[in-house]
Amino acid sequence: MNPPNPKVRWGVLGYARIARESLIPALLRSTNSEFCAIASRDPGKLLECRGRFGEVRGYRGYAELIKDPDIEAVYIPLPNSMHREWAVRAAEQGKHVLCEKPLGLNAGECQTMIAACESNRVNLMEAFMYRYTHRTRQVLDVLRSGVLGEVKFVGSTFRFLLSNPASIKLKPELGGGSLYDVGCYPVNFTGLVADAVAGARPGETRPSSVAAGFVREGGVDVSFSGVLTYSSGLIASLNSGFNAHPFVHSEIIGTQGVLEVSDTFFGNAGVLTVVAGDKRTEIPVVESDRYRAEVEDFADAVRGRRPPLFGLAETVRNAETIDRLLAAG
C-alpha cells in the first residue's frame, strides 16, 4: 500500500534544454515530486538523461509515456506548435499538465486545452516560473503599499541575441518568434500590474486598445514592440527580441514614484529601486528557486485537489492579448 500523500510522480515529454537544465533538476530538489519518466524520439537523449539523472523510465514516443499508469503529472517543454495536442492527449490519459509558455498559439488553443483538462478532472498550468520569485512578490508589495501613487505607465522588456540560426525559435511551423518566446513575459507582467493597481481579480483587467510593430525574418518576428492602453489611463510599453544585446528590465511609474525592476523574470538576487522625489530606496531581493517553487505548488495542487496558484484566467488573458497584438502588427 502506498503511504499517505506520496510524492507526485512526473514524466517529461521531450528532453529540451529547459527540461534538462531547469525543470528536471527542480523535480529532484523538490520535497513533493519524483522524476520517473522521460520521453524522447532520440535514443541518445534518453541515454544522456539516464546518465545525468539516474535510472528513470525512458520512452521513444510521447504517447507511450502518457499511457504509463504510474505517471500522475507531465511537463511539456515541446515546441509551441505541439503544446495543444500533447496537453489534450495527456489530459485524456488522466495526467495533470504543466506546460511551457505560451500555453497555446492562440486563445482558441488555450480554451481547447482547458476544456480537455476540466472534463478529465486534471490540473493545467502555464509554466510562468517568474511568478514564483521573491522579486515578483516584492513588486506586488510595493504596488500594494501605495508608495508610487496612481500608476500611469508600465514598461517591460525581455530580449536577447539569438546566435543559433537553426533554433526552433526561428521556425514559424513550430510556433517561433520573439513575442511567443519572450514577449509573453512582458505581456503577463503588464497584466499582473494592471490587476494589482485596479484591485481586480487575476486575469480580469484587459487593455481597451493595442498597437504593435514587428520586424520579421523568415516568417517569425525577431523584434516586437507593443503599446497597451487601459480605460483607467494606464499605458504600457512592451518589447521583446532575438536581434539585440540581452536586456531584461521593467519600470512602473506612478504619480508619486517610480519602481525599477531589473532582471524582472529571473530568480537571481538583486534589488528593486524605488525613486520618490529626491529619495532613492533599494529593496533587497533574495535569490529564488523559482522552478522548484513552481513544481511544488503544482504538486501540492494535485494532492490538494485545488487549482495551482498561477491561474488559467491569466493564461487566457495573456493569449487574447497576444492574439490582438499579432493582429495589430
C-alpha atoms as a PDB file:
ATOM      1  CA  MET A   1       0.000   0.000   0.000  1.00  0.00           C
ATOM      2  CA  ASN A   2       1.274   3.469  -0.878  1.00  0.00           C
ATOM      3  CA  PRO A   3       1.993   5.784   2.067  1.00  0.00           C
ATOM      4  CA  PRO A   4      -0.392   8.706   2.557  1.00  0.00           C
ATOM      5  CA  ASN A   5       0.301  11.707   0.324  1.00  0.00           C
ATOM      6  CA  PRO A   6       3.205  10.168  -1.615  1.00  0.00           C
ATOM      7  CA  LYS A   7       5.269  12.326  -3.933  1.00  0.00           C
ATOM      8  CA  VAL A   8       3.644  13.169  -7.242  1.00  0.00           C
ATOM      9  CA  ARG A   9       5.156  11.007  -9.991  1.00  0.00           C
ATOM     10  CA  TRP A  10       6.203  13.039 -13.045  1.00  0.00           C
ATOM     11  CA  GLY A  11       7.008  12.290 -16.655  1.00  0.00           C
ATOM     12  CA  VAL A  12       8.653  14.766 -19.042  1.00  0.00           C
ATOM     13  CA  LEU A  13       7.690  14.922 -22.725  1.00  0.00           C
ATOM     14  CA  GLY A  14      10.900  15.797 -24.509  1.00  0.00           C
ATOM     15  CA  TYR A  15      14.473  16.342 -23.368  1.00  0.00           C
ATOM     16  CA  ALA A  16      14.546  20.044 -24.220  1.00  0.00           C
ATOM     17  CA  ARG A  17      17.173  22.344 -22.774  1.00  0.00           C
ATOM     18  CA  ILE A  18      14.760  23.905 -20.272  1.00  0.00           C
ATOM     19  CA  ALA A  19      13.807  20.418 -19.101  1.00  0.00           C
ATOM     20  CA  ARG A  20      17.340  19.160 -18.549  1.00  0.00           C
ATOM     21  CA  GLU A  21      18.796  22.402 -17.194  1.00  0.00           C
ATOM     22  CA  SER A  22      15.904  23.685 -15.079  1.00  0.00           C
ATOM     23  CA  LEU A  23      12.762  21.614 -14.617  1.00  0.00           C
ATOM     24  CA  ILE A  24      14.169  18.113 -14.063  1.00  0.00           C
ATOM     25  CA  PRO A  25      16.743  19.385 -11.527  1.00  0.00           C
ATOM     26  CA  ALA A  26      13.878  21.214  -9.790  1.00  0.00           C
ATOM     27  CA  LEU A  27      11.894  17.971  -9.593  1.00  0.00           C
ATOM     28  CA  LEU A  28      14.905  16.324  -7.953  1.00  0.00           C
ATOM     29  CA  ARG A  29      15.259  19.187  -5.434  1.00  0.00           C
ATOM     30  CA  SER A  30      11.562  19.256  -4.598  1.00  0.00           C
ATOM     31  CA  THR A  31      10.016  17.782  -1.472  1.00  0.00           C
ATOM     32  CA  ASN A  32       6.790  16.531  -3.034  1.00  0.00           C
ATOM     33  CA  SER A  33       7.685  15.330  -6.531  1.00  0.00           C
ATOM     34  CA  GLU A  34       9.537  12.471  -8.161  1.00  0.00           C
ATOM     35  CA  PHE A  35      11.061  12.363 -11.644  1.00  0.00           C
ATOM     36  CA  CYS A  36      10.034   8.981 -13.010  1.00  0.00           C
ATOM     37  CA  ALA A  37       9.992   9.005 -16.817  1.00  0.00           C
ATOM     38  CA  ILE A  38      11.343  10.771 -19.888  1.00  0.00           C
ATOM     39  CA  ALA A  39      10.170  10.551 -23.490  1.00  0.00           C
ATOM     40  CA  SER A  40      12.335  11.475 -26.465  1.00  0.00           C
ATOM     41  CA  ARG A  41      12.399  10.435 -30.095  1.00  0.00           C
ATOM     42  CA  ASP A  42      16.198  10.479 -29.887  1.00  0.00           C
ATOM     43  CA  PRO A  43      17.598   7.362 -28.146  1.00  0.00           C
ATOM     44  CA  GLY A  44      20.827   9.255 -27.477  1.00  0.00           C
ATOM     45  CA  LYS A  45      18.940  11.782 -25.392  1.00  0.00           C
ATOM     46  CA  LEU A  46      17.333   9.010 -23.370  1.00  0.00           C
ATOM     47  CA  LEU A  47      20.787   7.642 -22.583  1.00  0.00           C
ATOM     48  CA  GLU A  48      22.063  11.116 -21.740  1.00  0.00           C
ATOM     49  CA  CYS A  49      19.135  11.725 -19.398  1.00  0.00           C
ATOM     50  CA  ARG A  50      19.675   8.462 -17.543  1.00  0.00           C
ATOM     51  CA  GLY A  51      23.396   9.124 -17.268  1.00  0.00           C
ATOM     52  CA  ARG A  52      22.762  12.537 -15.801  1.00  0.00           C
ATOM     53  CA  PHE A  53      19.688  11.967 -13.636  1.00  0.00           C
ATOM     54  CA  GLY A  54      19.624   8.247 -12.857  1.00  0.00           C
ATOM     55  CA  GLU A  55      17.583   5.247 -13.906  1.00  0.00           C
ATOM     56  CA  VAL A  56      14.236   6.655 -14.952  1.00  0.00           C
ATOM     57  CA  ARG A  57      11.877   5.032 -17.414  1.00  0.00           C
ATOM     58  CA  GLY A  58      12.649   6.012 -20.988  1.00  0.00           C
ATOM     59  CA  TYR A  59      10.086   6.093 -23.791  1.00  0.00           C
ATOM     60  CA  ARG A  60      10.784   6.560 -27.500  1.00  0.00           C
ATOM     61  CA  GLY A  61       7.345   8.125 -28.001  1.00  0.00           C
ATOM     62  CA  TYR A  62       5.297  10.679 -26.086  1.00  0.00           C
ATOM     63  CA  ALA A  63       2.168   8.530 -26.432  1.00  0.00           C
ATOM     64  CA  GLU A  64       3.843   5.655 -24.596  1.00  0.00           C
ATOM     65  CA  LEU A  65       4.772   7.844 -21.647  1.00  0.00           C
ATOM     66  CA  ILE A  66       1.306   9.323 -21.150  1.00  0.00           C
ATOM     67  CA  LYS A  67      -0.145   5.803 -21.143  1.00  0.00           C
ATOM     68  CA  ASP A  68       2.081   4.805 -18.206  1.00  0.00           C
ATOM     69  CA  PRO A  69      -0.416   4.283 -15.349  1.00  0.00           C
ATOM     70  CA  ASP A  70       2.207   5.163 -12.743  1.00  0.00           C
ATOM     71  CA  ILE A  71       2.716   8.713 -14.073  1.00  0.00           C
ATOM     72  CA  GLU A  72       0.438  11.321 -12.490  1.00  0.00           C
ATOM     73  CA  ALA A  73       1.704  14.592 -13.978  1.00  0.00           C
ATOM     74  CA  VAL A  74       3.550  15.557 -17.124  1.00  0.00           C
ATOM     75  CA  TYR A  75       5.714  18.532 -18.006  1.00  0.00           C
ATOM     76  CA  ILE A  76       5.569  19.678 -21.644  1.00  0.00           C
ATOM     77  CA  PRO A  77       8.613  21.620 -22.933  1.00  0.00           C
ATOM     78  CA  LEU A  78       7.908  20.769 -26.579  1.00  0.00           C
ATOM     79  CA  PRO A  79       7.854  23.349 -29.405  1.00  0.00           C
ATOM     80  CA  ASN A  80       4.938  25.756 -29.087  1.00  0.00           C
ATOM     81  CA  SER A  81       3.082  24.220 -32.015  1.00  0.00           C
ATOM     82  CA  MET A  82       2.869  20.884 -30.165  1.00  0.00           C
ATOM     83  CA  HIS A  83       1.511  22.124 -26.823  1.00  0.00           C
ATOM     84  CA  ARG A  84      -2.181  21.813 -27.614  1.00  0.00           C
ATOM     85  CA  GLU A  85      -2.013  18.272 -28.995  1.00  0.00           C
ATOM     86  CA  TRP A  86       0.016  16.788 -26.184  1.00  0.00           C
ATOM     87  CA  ALA A  87      -1.711  18.623 -23.366  1.00  0.00           C
ATOM     88  CA  VAL A  88      -5.058  17.331 -24.623  1.00  0.00           C
ATOM     89  CA  ARG A  89      -3.761  13.798 -25.124  1.00  0.00           C
ATOM     90  CA  ALA A  90      -2.157  13.762 -21.684  1.00  0.00           C
ATOM     91  CA  ALA A  91      -5.363  15.008 -20.063  1.00  0.00           C
ATOM     92  CA  GLU A  92      -7.321  12.275 -21.820  1.00  0.00           C
ATOM     93  CA  GLN A  93      -4.989   9.784 -20.131  1.00  0.00           C
ATOM     94  CA  GLY A  94      -5.741  11.355 -16.745  1.00  0.00           C
ATOM     95  CA  LYS A  95      -2.446  13.209 -16.392  1.00  0.00           C
ATOM     96  CA  HIS A  96      -2.095  16.616 -14.763  1.00  0.00           C
ATOM     97  CA  VAL A  97      -0.317  19.018 -17.132  1.00  0.00           C
ATOM     98  CA  LEU A  98       2.347  21.665 -16.508  1.00  0.00           C
ATOM     99  CA  CYS A  99       3.038  23.180 -19.933  1.00  0.00           C
ATOM    100  CA  GLU A 100       5.652  25.680 -21.016  1.00  0.00           C
ATOM    101  CA  LYS A 101       4.625  29.151 -22.095  1.00  0.00           C
ATOM    102  CA  PRO A 102       2.909  30.143 -24.241  1.00  0.00           C
ATOM    103  CA  LEU A 103       0.289  27.554 -23.338  1.00  0.00           C
ATOM    104  CA  GLY A 104      -1.162  27.715 -26.857  1.00  0.00           C
ATOM    105  CA  LEU A 105      -0.570  29.603 -30.088  1.00  0.00           C
ATOM    106  CA  ASN A 106      -3.830  31.479 -29.635  1.00  0.00           C
ATOM    107  CA  ALA A 107      -6.699  31.813 -27.186  1.00  0.00           C
ATOM    108  CA  GLY A 108      -8.719  29.160 -29.002  1.00  0.00           C
ATOM    109  CA  GLU A 109      -5.988  26.563 -28.464  1.00  0.00           C
ATOM    110  CA  CYS A 110      -5.804  27.507 -24.801  1.00  0.00           C
ATOM    111  CA  GLN A 111      -9.561  27.094 -24.386  1.00  0.00           C
ATOM    112  CA  THR A 112      -9.382  23.643 -26.010  1.00  0.00           C
ATOM    113  CA  MET A 113      -6.657  22.593 -23.591  1.00  0.00           C
ATOM    114  CA  ILE A 114      -8.544  23.982 -20.608  1.00  0.00           C
ATOM    115  CA  ALA A 115     -11.736  22.181 -21.630  1.00  0.00           C
ATOM    116  CA  ALA A 116      -9.885  18.869 -22.016  1.00  0.00           C
ATOM    117  CA  CYS A 117      -8.310  19.167 -18.586  1.00  0.00           C
ATOM    118  CA  GLU A 118     -11.567  20.215 -16.938  1.00  0.00           C
ATOM    119  CA  SER A 119     -13.508  17.341 -18.477  1.00  0.00           C
ATOM    120  CA  ASN A 120     -10.870  14.868 -17.323  1.00  0.00           C
ATOM    121  CA  ARG A 121     -10.594  16.481 -13.874  1.00  0.00           C
ATOM    122  CA  VAL A 122      -6.889  17.193 -14.049  1.00  0.00           C
ATOM    123  CA  ASN A 123      -4.940  20.369 -13.355  1.00  0.00           C
ATOM    124  CA  LEU A 124      -3.434  22.506 -16.090  1.00  0.00           C
ATOM    125  CA  MET A 125      -0.929  25.325 -15.596  1.00  0.00           C
ATOM    126  CA  GLU A 126       1.174  27.509 -17.865  1.00  0.00           C
ATOM    127  CA  ALA A 127       4.782  27.488 -16.675  1.00  0.00           C
ATOM    128  CA  PHE A 128       5.469  31.151 -15.937  1.00  0.00           C
ATOM    129  CA  MET A 129       8.110  30.373 -13.325  1.00  0.00           C
ATOM    130  CA  TYR A 130       8.882  34.053 -12.612  1.00  0.00           C
ATOM    131  CA  ARG A 131       5.584  34.291 -10.775  1.00  0.00           C
ATOM    132  CA  TYR A 132       7.169  32.182  -8.015  1.00  0.00           C
ATOM    133  CA  THR A 133      10.099  34.520  -7.285  1.00  0.00           C
ATOM    134  CA  HIS A 134      10.787  36.785  -4.334  1.00  0.00           C
ATOM    135  CA  ARG A 135      11.289  39.593  -6.881  1.00  0.00           C
ATOM    136  CA  THR A 136       7.692  39.287  -8.122  1.00  0.00           C
ATOM    137  CA  ARG A 137       6.333  39.185  -4.557  1.00  0.00           C
ATOM    138  CA  GLN A 138       8.289  42.340  -3.726  1.00  0.00           C
ATOM    139  CA  VAL A 139       6.897  44.118  -6.793  1.00  0.00           C
ATOM    140  CA  LEU A 140       3.368  43.327  -5.624  1.00  0.00           C
ATOM    141  CA  ASP A 141       4.204  44.509  -2.108  1.00  0.00           C
ATOM    142  CA  VAL A 142       5.404  47.857  -3.479  1.00  0.00           C
ATOM    143  CA  LEU A 143       2.272  48.268  -5.592  1.00  0.00           C
ATOM    144  CA  ARG A 144       0.010  47.484  -2.640  1.00  0.00           C
ATOM    145  CA  SER A 145       1.883  49.917  -0.400  1.00  0.00           C
ATOM    146  CA  GLY A 146       0.716  52.880  -2.455  1.00  0.00           C
ATOM    147  CA  VAL A 147       4.162  54.483  -2.441  1.00  0.00           C
ATOM    148  CA  LEU A 148       4.009  55.021  -6.215  1.00  0.00           C
ATOM    149  CA  GLY A 149       0.727  56.874  -6.087  1.00  0.00           C
ATOM    150  CA  GLU A 150      -1.609  56.327  -9.035  1.00  0.00           C
ATOM    151  CA  VAL A 151       0.194  54.119 -11.556  1.00  0.00           C
ATOM    152  CA  LYS A 152       0.227  55.663 -15.030  1.00  0.00           C
ATOM    153  CA  PHE A 153       2.842  53.716 -17.005  1.00  0.00           C
ATOM    154  CA  VAL A 154       4.402  50.252 -17.214  1.00  0.00           C
ATOM    155  CA  GLY A 155       7.394  49.459 -19.400  1.00  0.00           C
ATOM    156  CA  SER A 156       8.724  45.903 -19.735  1.00  0.00           C
ATOM    157  CA  THR A 157      11.400  44.384 -21.977  1.00  0.00           C
ATOM    158  CA  PHE A 158      12.769  40.874 -22.479  1.00  0.00           C
ATOM    159  CA  ARG A 159      15.262  40.479 -25.297  1.00  0.00           C
ATOM    160  CA  PHE A 160      18.436  38.576 -26.109  1.00  0.00           C
ATOM    161  CA  LEU A 161      20.729  37.919 -29.050  1.00  0.00           C
ATOM    162  CA  LEU A 162      19.906  34.562 -30.655  1.00  0.00           C
ATOM    163  CA  SER A 163      23.065  33.143 -32.218  1.00  0.00           C
ATOM    164  CA  ASN A 164      21.770  29.731 -33.363  1.00  0.00           C
ATOM    165  CA  PRO A 165      20.293  30.008 -36.883  1.00  0.00           C
ATOM    166  CA  ALA A 166      18.825  26.503 -36.559  1.00  0.00           C
ATOM    167  CA  SER A 167      16.875  27.305 -33.374  1.00  0.00           C
ATOM    168  CA  ILE A 168      13.239  26.235 -33.207  1.00  0.00           C
ATOM    169  CA  LYS A 169      12.586  29.801 -32.069  1.00  0.00           C
ATOM    170  CA  LEU A 170      13.111  30.855 -35.707  1.00  0.00           C
ATOM    171  CA  LYS A 171      10.801  28.256 -37.279  1.00  0.00           C
ATOM    172  CA  PRO A 172       7.267  29.515 -37.988  1.00  0.00           C
ATOM    173  CA  GLU A 173       5.869  25.993 -38.341  1.00  0.00           C
ATOM    174  CA  LEU A 174       6.916  25.294 -34.734  1.00  0.00           C
ATOM    175  CA  GLY A 175       5.439  28.470 -33.288  1.00  0.00           C
ATOM    176  CA  GLY A 176       8.624  30.517 -33.283  1.00  0.00           C
ATOM    177  CA  GLY A 177       9.026  34.236 -32.819  1.00  0.00           C
ATOM    178  CA  SER A 178      10.089  36.577 -30.049  1.00  0.00           C
ATOM    179  CA  LEU A 179       6.576  37.541 -28.922  1.00  0.00           C
ATOM    180  CA  TYR A 180       5.662  33.910 -28.260  1.00  0.00           C
ATOM    181  CA  ASP A 181       9.056  33.066 -26.762  1.00  0.00           C
ATOM    182  CA  VAL A 182       9.953  36.000 -24.513  1.00  0.00           C
ATOM    183  CA  GLY A 183       7.458  38.763 -25.288  1.00  0.00           C
ATOM    184  CA  CYS A 184       4.790  36.770 -23.498  1.00  0.00           C
ATOM    185  CA  TYR A 185       6.587  37.650 -20.236  1.00  0.00           C
ATOM    186  CA  PRO A 186       6.156  41.441 -20.522  1.00  0.00           C
ATOM    187  CA  VAL A 187       2.539  40.820 -21.587  1.00  0.00           C
ATOM    188  CA  ASN A 188       1.994  38.790 -18.439  1.00  0.00           C
ATOM    189  CA  PHE A 189       3.849  41.238 -16.206  1.00  0.00           C
ATOM    190  CA  THR A 190       1.760  44.119 -17.503  1.00  0.00           C
ATOM    191  CA  GLY A 191      -1.412  42.162 -16.766  1.00  0.00           C
ATOM    192  CA  LEU A 192      -0.169  41.433 -13.256  1.00  0.00           C
ATOM    193  CA  VAL A 193       0.455  45.134 -12.630  1.00  0.00           C
ATOM    194  CA  ALA A 194      -2.845  46.194 -14.215  1.00  0.00           C
ATOM    195  CA  ASP A 195      -4.801  43.805 -11.980  1.00  0.00           C
ATOM    196  CA  ALA A 196      -2.894  44.879  -8.874  1.00  0.00           C
ATOM    197  CA  VAL A 197      -3.405  48.617  -9.346  1.00  0.00           C
ATOM    198  CA  ALA A 198      -7.086  48.128 -10.233  1.00  0.00           C
ATOM    199  CA  GLY A 199      -7.716  45.859  -7.245  1.00  0.00           C
ATOM    200  CA  ALA A 200      -9.076  43.332  -9.728  1.00  0.00           C
ATOM    201  CA  ARG A 201      -9.170  39.558  -9.724  1.00  0.00           C
ATOM    202  CA  PRO A 202      -6.212  37.925 -11.539  1.00  0.00           C
ATOM    203  CA  GLY A 203      -6.819  37.970 -15.284  1.00  0.00           C
ATOM    204  CA  GLU A 204      -9.702  40.437 -15.095  1.00  0.00           C
ATOM    205  CA  THR A 205      -8.146  43.674 -16.376  1.00  0.00           C
ATOM    206  CA  ARG A 206      -7.853  43.896 -20.158  1.00  0.00           C
ATOM    207  CA  PRO A 207      -6.465  46.632 -22.399  1.00  0.00           C
ATOM    208  CA  SER A 208      -9.011  48.776 -24.209  1.00  0.00           C
ATOM    209  CA  SER A 209      -6.718  49.121 -27.227  1.00  0.00           C
ATOM    210  CA  VAL A 210      -3.456  47.687 -28.561  1.00  0.00           C
ATOM    211  CA  ALA A 211      -0.862  48.696 -31.137  1.00  0.00           C
ATOM    212  CA  ALA A 212       2.128  46.692 -32.330  1.00  0.00           C
ATOM    213  CA  GLY A 213       5.163  46.776 -34.574  1.00  0.00           C
ATOM    214  CA  PHE A 214       7.258  43.813 -35.677  1.00  0.00           C
ATOM    215  CA  VAL A 215      10.495  43.141 -37.511  1.00  0.00           C
ATOM    216  CA  ARG A 216      10.026  39.791 -39.227  1.00  0.00           C
ATOM    217  CA  GLU A 217      12.604  37.499 -40.788  1.00  0.00           C
ATOM    218  CA  GLY A 218      11.941  34.051 -42.193  1.00  0.00           C
ATOM    219  CA  GLY A 219       8.306  34.063 -41.158  1.00  0.00           C
ATOM    220  CA  VAL A 220       8.800  34.941 -37.469  1.00  0.00           C
ATOM    221  CA  ASP A 221       9.210  38.176 -35.555  1.00  0.00           C
ATOM    222  CA  VAL A 222      12.758  38.777 -34.391  1.00  0.00           C
ATOM    223  CA  SER A 223      11.778  42.046 -32.721  1.00  0.00           C
ATOM    224  CA  PHE A 224       8.487  43.257 -31.289  1.00  0.00           C
ATOM    225  CA  SER A 225       7.210  46.411 -29.624  1.00  0.00           C
ATOM    226  CA  GLY A 226       3.660  46.956 -28.456  1.00  0.00           C
ATOM    227  CA  VAL A 227       1.549  49.518 -26.658  1.00  0.00           C
ATOM    228  CA  LEU A 228      -1.423  48.654 -24.463  1.00  0.00           C
ATOM    229  CA  THR A 229      -3.838  51.282 -23.177  1.00  0.00           C
ATOM    230  CA  TYR A 230      -6.390  50.811 -20.422  1.00  0.00           C
ATOM    231  CA  SER A 231      -9.632  52.627 -19.661  1.00  0.00           C
ATOM    232  CA  SER A 232      -8.122  53.778 -16.333  1.00  0.00           C
ATOM    233  CA  GLY A 233      -5.497  55.829 -18.185  1.00  0.00           C
ATOM    234  CA  LEU A 234      -2.709  53.296 -17.637  1.00  0.00           C
ATOM    235  CA  ILE A 235      -0.476  52.781 -20.665  1.00  0.00           C
ATOM    236  CA  ALA A 236       2.114  50.037 -21.163  1.00  0.00           C
ATOM    237  CA  SER A 237       5.082  49.641 -23.489  1.00  0.00           C
ATOM    238  CA  LEU A 238       6.195  46.056 -24.217  1.00  0.00           C
ATOM    239  CA  ASN A 239       9.337  44.925 -26.029  1.00  0.00           C
ATOM    240  CA  SER A 240      10.967  41.643 -26.982  1.00  0.00           C
ATOM    241  CA  GLY A 241      13.501  40.416 -29.474  1.00  0.00           C
ATOM    242  CA  PHE A 242      16.167  37.980 -30.630  1.00  0.00           C
ATOM    243  CA  ASN A 243      18.333  40.510 -32.501  1.00  0.00           C
ATOM    244  CA  ALA A 244      20.000  42.723 -29.918  1.00  0.00           C
ATOM    245  CA  HIS A 245      22.027  42.709 -26.726  1.00  0.00           C
ATOM    246  CA  PRO A 246      20.319  40.965 -23.784  1.00  0.00           C
ATOM    247  CA  PHE A 247      18.162  43.300 -21.726  1.00  0.00           C
ATOM    248  CA  VAL A 248      15.562  42.293 -19.148  1.00  0.00           C
ATOM    249  CA  HIS A 249      14.070  45.222 -17.272  1.00  0.00           C
ATOM    250  CA  SER A 250      10.769  46.774 -16.235  1.00  0.00           C
ATOM    251  CA  GLU A 251       9.641  50.070 -14.765  1.00  0.00           C
ATOM    252  CA  ILE A 252       6.405  51.126 -13.145  1.00  0.00           C
ATOM    253  CA  ILE A 253       5.739  54.868 -12.947  1.00  0.00           C
ATOM    254  CA  GLY A 254       3.144  56.490 -10.745  1.00  0.00           C
ATOM    255  CA  THR A 255       2.188  59.988  -9.726  1.00  0.00           C
ATOM    256  CA  GLN A 256       4.436  59.834  -6.655  1.00  0.00           C
ATOM    257  CA  GLY A 257       7.254  57.475  -7.576  1.00  0.00           C
ATOM    258  CA  VAL A 258       8.984  55.034  -9.896  1.00  0.00           C
ATOM    259  CA  LEU A 259       9.747  51.337  -9.349  1.00  0.00           C
ATOM    260  CA  GLU A 260      12.693  49.938 -11.333  1.00  0.00           C
ATOM    261  CA  VAL A 261      12.734  46.148 -11.696  1.00  0.00           C
ATOM    262  CA  SER A 262      15.984  44.819 -13.129  1.00  0.00           C
ATOM    263  CA  ASP A 263      16.111  41.146 -14.172  1.00  0.00           C
ATOM    264  CA  THR A 264      12.309  41.119 -13.953  1.00  0.00           C
ATOM    265  CA  PHE A 265      11.821  37.497 -14.929  1.00  0.00           C
ATOM    266  CA  PHE A 266      14.868  35.922 -13.284  1.00  0.00           C
ATOM    267  CA  GLY A 267      15.414  34.307  -9.904  1.00  0.00           C
ATOM    268  CA  ASN A 268      18.778  35.854  -9.016  1.00  0.00           C
ATOM    269  CA  ALA A 269      19.391  38.079  -6.014  1.00  0.00           C
ATOM    270  CA  GLY A 270      19.380  41.823  -6.554  1.00  0.00           C
ATOM    271  CA  VAL A 271      17.436  44.934  -5.657  1.00  0.00           C
ATOM    272  CA  LEU A 272      14.279  46.771  -6.597  1.00  0.00           C
ATOM    273  CA  THR A 273      14.741  50.526  -6.715  1.00  0.00           C
ATOM    274  CA  VAL A 274      12.029  52.969  -5.685  1.00  0.00           C
ATOM    275  CA  VAL A 275      12.528  56.631  -6.583  1.00  0.00           C
ATOM    276  CA  ALA A 276      10.110  59.052  -4.918  1.00  0.00           C
ATOM    277  CA  GLY A 277      11.014  62.724  -5.169  1.00  0.00           C
ATOM    278  CA  ASP A 278      14.629  63.107  -4.066  1.00  0.00           C
ATOM    279  CA  LYS A 279      14.605  59.809  -2.186  1.00  0.00           C
ATOM    280  CA  ARG A 280      16.038  56.645  -3.705  1.00  0.00           C
ATOM    281  CA  THR A 281      15.372  53.393  -1.829  1.00  0.00           C
ATOM    282  CA  GLU A 282      16.792  49.969  -2.658  1.00  0.00           C
ATOM    283  CA  ILE A 283      14.737  46.949  -1.629  1.00  0.00           C
ATOM    284  CA  PRO A 284      16.774  43.725  -1.365  1.00  0.00           C
ATOM    285  CA  VAL A 285      15.661  40.739  -3.425  1.00  0.00           C
ATOM    286  CA  VAL A 286      16.864  37.299  -2.334  1.00  0.00           C
ATOM    287  CA  GLU A 287      17.628  34.504  -4.762  1.00  0.00           C
ATOM    288  CA  SER A 288      14.629  32.306  -5.563  1.00  0.00           C
ATOM    289  CA  ASP A 289      14.482  28.657  -6.571  1.00  0.00           C
ATOM    290  CA  ARG A 290      11.660  29.527  -8.966  1.00  0.00           C
ATOM    291  CA  TYR A 291      11.400  26.222 -10.811  1.00  0.00           C
ATOM    292  CA  ARG A 292      11.283  24.239  -7.576  1.00  0.00           C
ATOM    293  CA  ALA A 293       8.610  26.576  -6.169  1.00  0.00           C
ATOM    294  CA  GLU A 294       6.593  26.170  -9.360  1.00  0.00           C
ATOM    295  CA  VAL A 295       6.850  22.378  -9.256  1.00  0.00           C
ATOM    296  CA  GLU A 296       5.999  22.182  -5.564  1.00  0.00           C
ATOM    297  CA  ASP A 297       2.942  24.397  -5.931  1.00  0.00           C
ATOM    298  CA  PHE A 298       1.681  22.332  -8.847  1.00  0.00           C
ATOM    299  CA  ALA A 299       2.258  19.068  -6.969  1.00  0.00           C
ATOM    300  CA  ASP A 300       0.544  20.479  -3.882  1.00  0.00           C
ATOM    301  CA  ALA A 301      -2.398  21.385  -6.120  1.00  0.00           C
ATOM    302  CA  VAL A 302      -2.530  17.819  -7.449  1.00  0.00           C
ATOM    303  CA  ARG A 303      -2.539  16.366  -3.943  1.00  0.00           C
ATOM    304  CA  GLY A 304      -4.851  19.025  -2.517  1.00  0.00           C
ATOM    305  CA  ARG A 305      -7.324  18.851  -5.394  1.00  0.00           C
ATOM    306  CA  ARG A 306      -7.094  22.617  -5.836  1.00  0.00           C
ATOM    307  CA  PRO A 307      -6.059  24.854  -8.732  1.00  0.00           C
ATOM    308  CA  PRO A 308      -2.409  25.929  -8.865  1.00  0.00           C
ATOM    309  CA  LEU A 309      -1.637  29.416  -7.564  1.00  0.00           C
ATOM    310  CA  PHE A 310      -0.992  30.758 -11.076  1.00  0.00           C
ATOM    311  CA  GLY A 311      -4.439  30.541 -12.599  1.00  0.00           C
ATOM    312  CA  LEU A 312      -5.872  29.946 -16.048  1.00  0.00           C
ATOM    313  CA  ALA A 313      -7.759  33.249 -16.143  1.00  0.00           C
ATOM    314  CA  GLU A 314      -4.406  34.973 -16.587  1.00  0.00           C
ATOM    315  CA  THR A 315      -3.339  32.449 -19.207  1.00  0.00           C
ATOM    316  CA  VAL A 316      -6.455  33.161 -21.272  1.00  0.00           C
ATOM    317  CA  ARG A 317      -5.999  36.924 -20.873  1.00  0.00           C
ATOM    318  CA  ASN A 318      -2.365  36.608 -22.000  1.00  0.00           C
ATOM    319  CA  ALA A 319      -3.323  34.591 -25.074  1.00  0.00           C
ATOM    320  CA  GLU A 320      -6.085  37.022 -26.013  1.00  0.00           C
ATOM    321  CA  THR A 321      -3.701  39.968 -25.694  1.00  0.00           C
ATOM    322  CA  ILE A 322      -1.066  38.246 -27.832  1.00  0.00           C
ATOM    323  CA  ASP A 323      -3.740  37.486 -30.447  1.00  0.00           C
ATOM    324  CA  ARG A 324      -4.661  41.169 -30.541  1.00  0.00           C
ATOM    325  CA  LEU A 325      -1.030  42.274 -30.796  1.00  0.00           C
ATOM    326  CA  LEU A 326      -0.329  39.874 -33.673  1.00  0.00           C
ATOM    327  CA  ALA A 327      -3.438  41.113 -35.472  1.00  0.00           C
ATOM    328  CA  ALA A 328      -2.425  44.738 -34.906  1.00  0.00           C
ATOM    329  CA  GLY A 329       1.039  44.294 -36.400  1.00  0.00           C
END
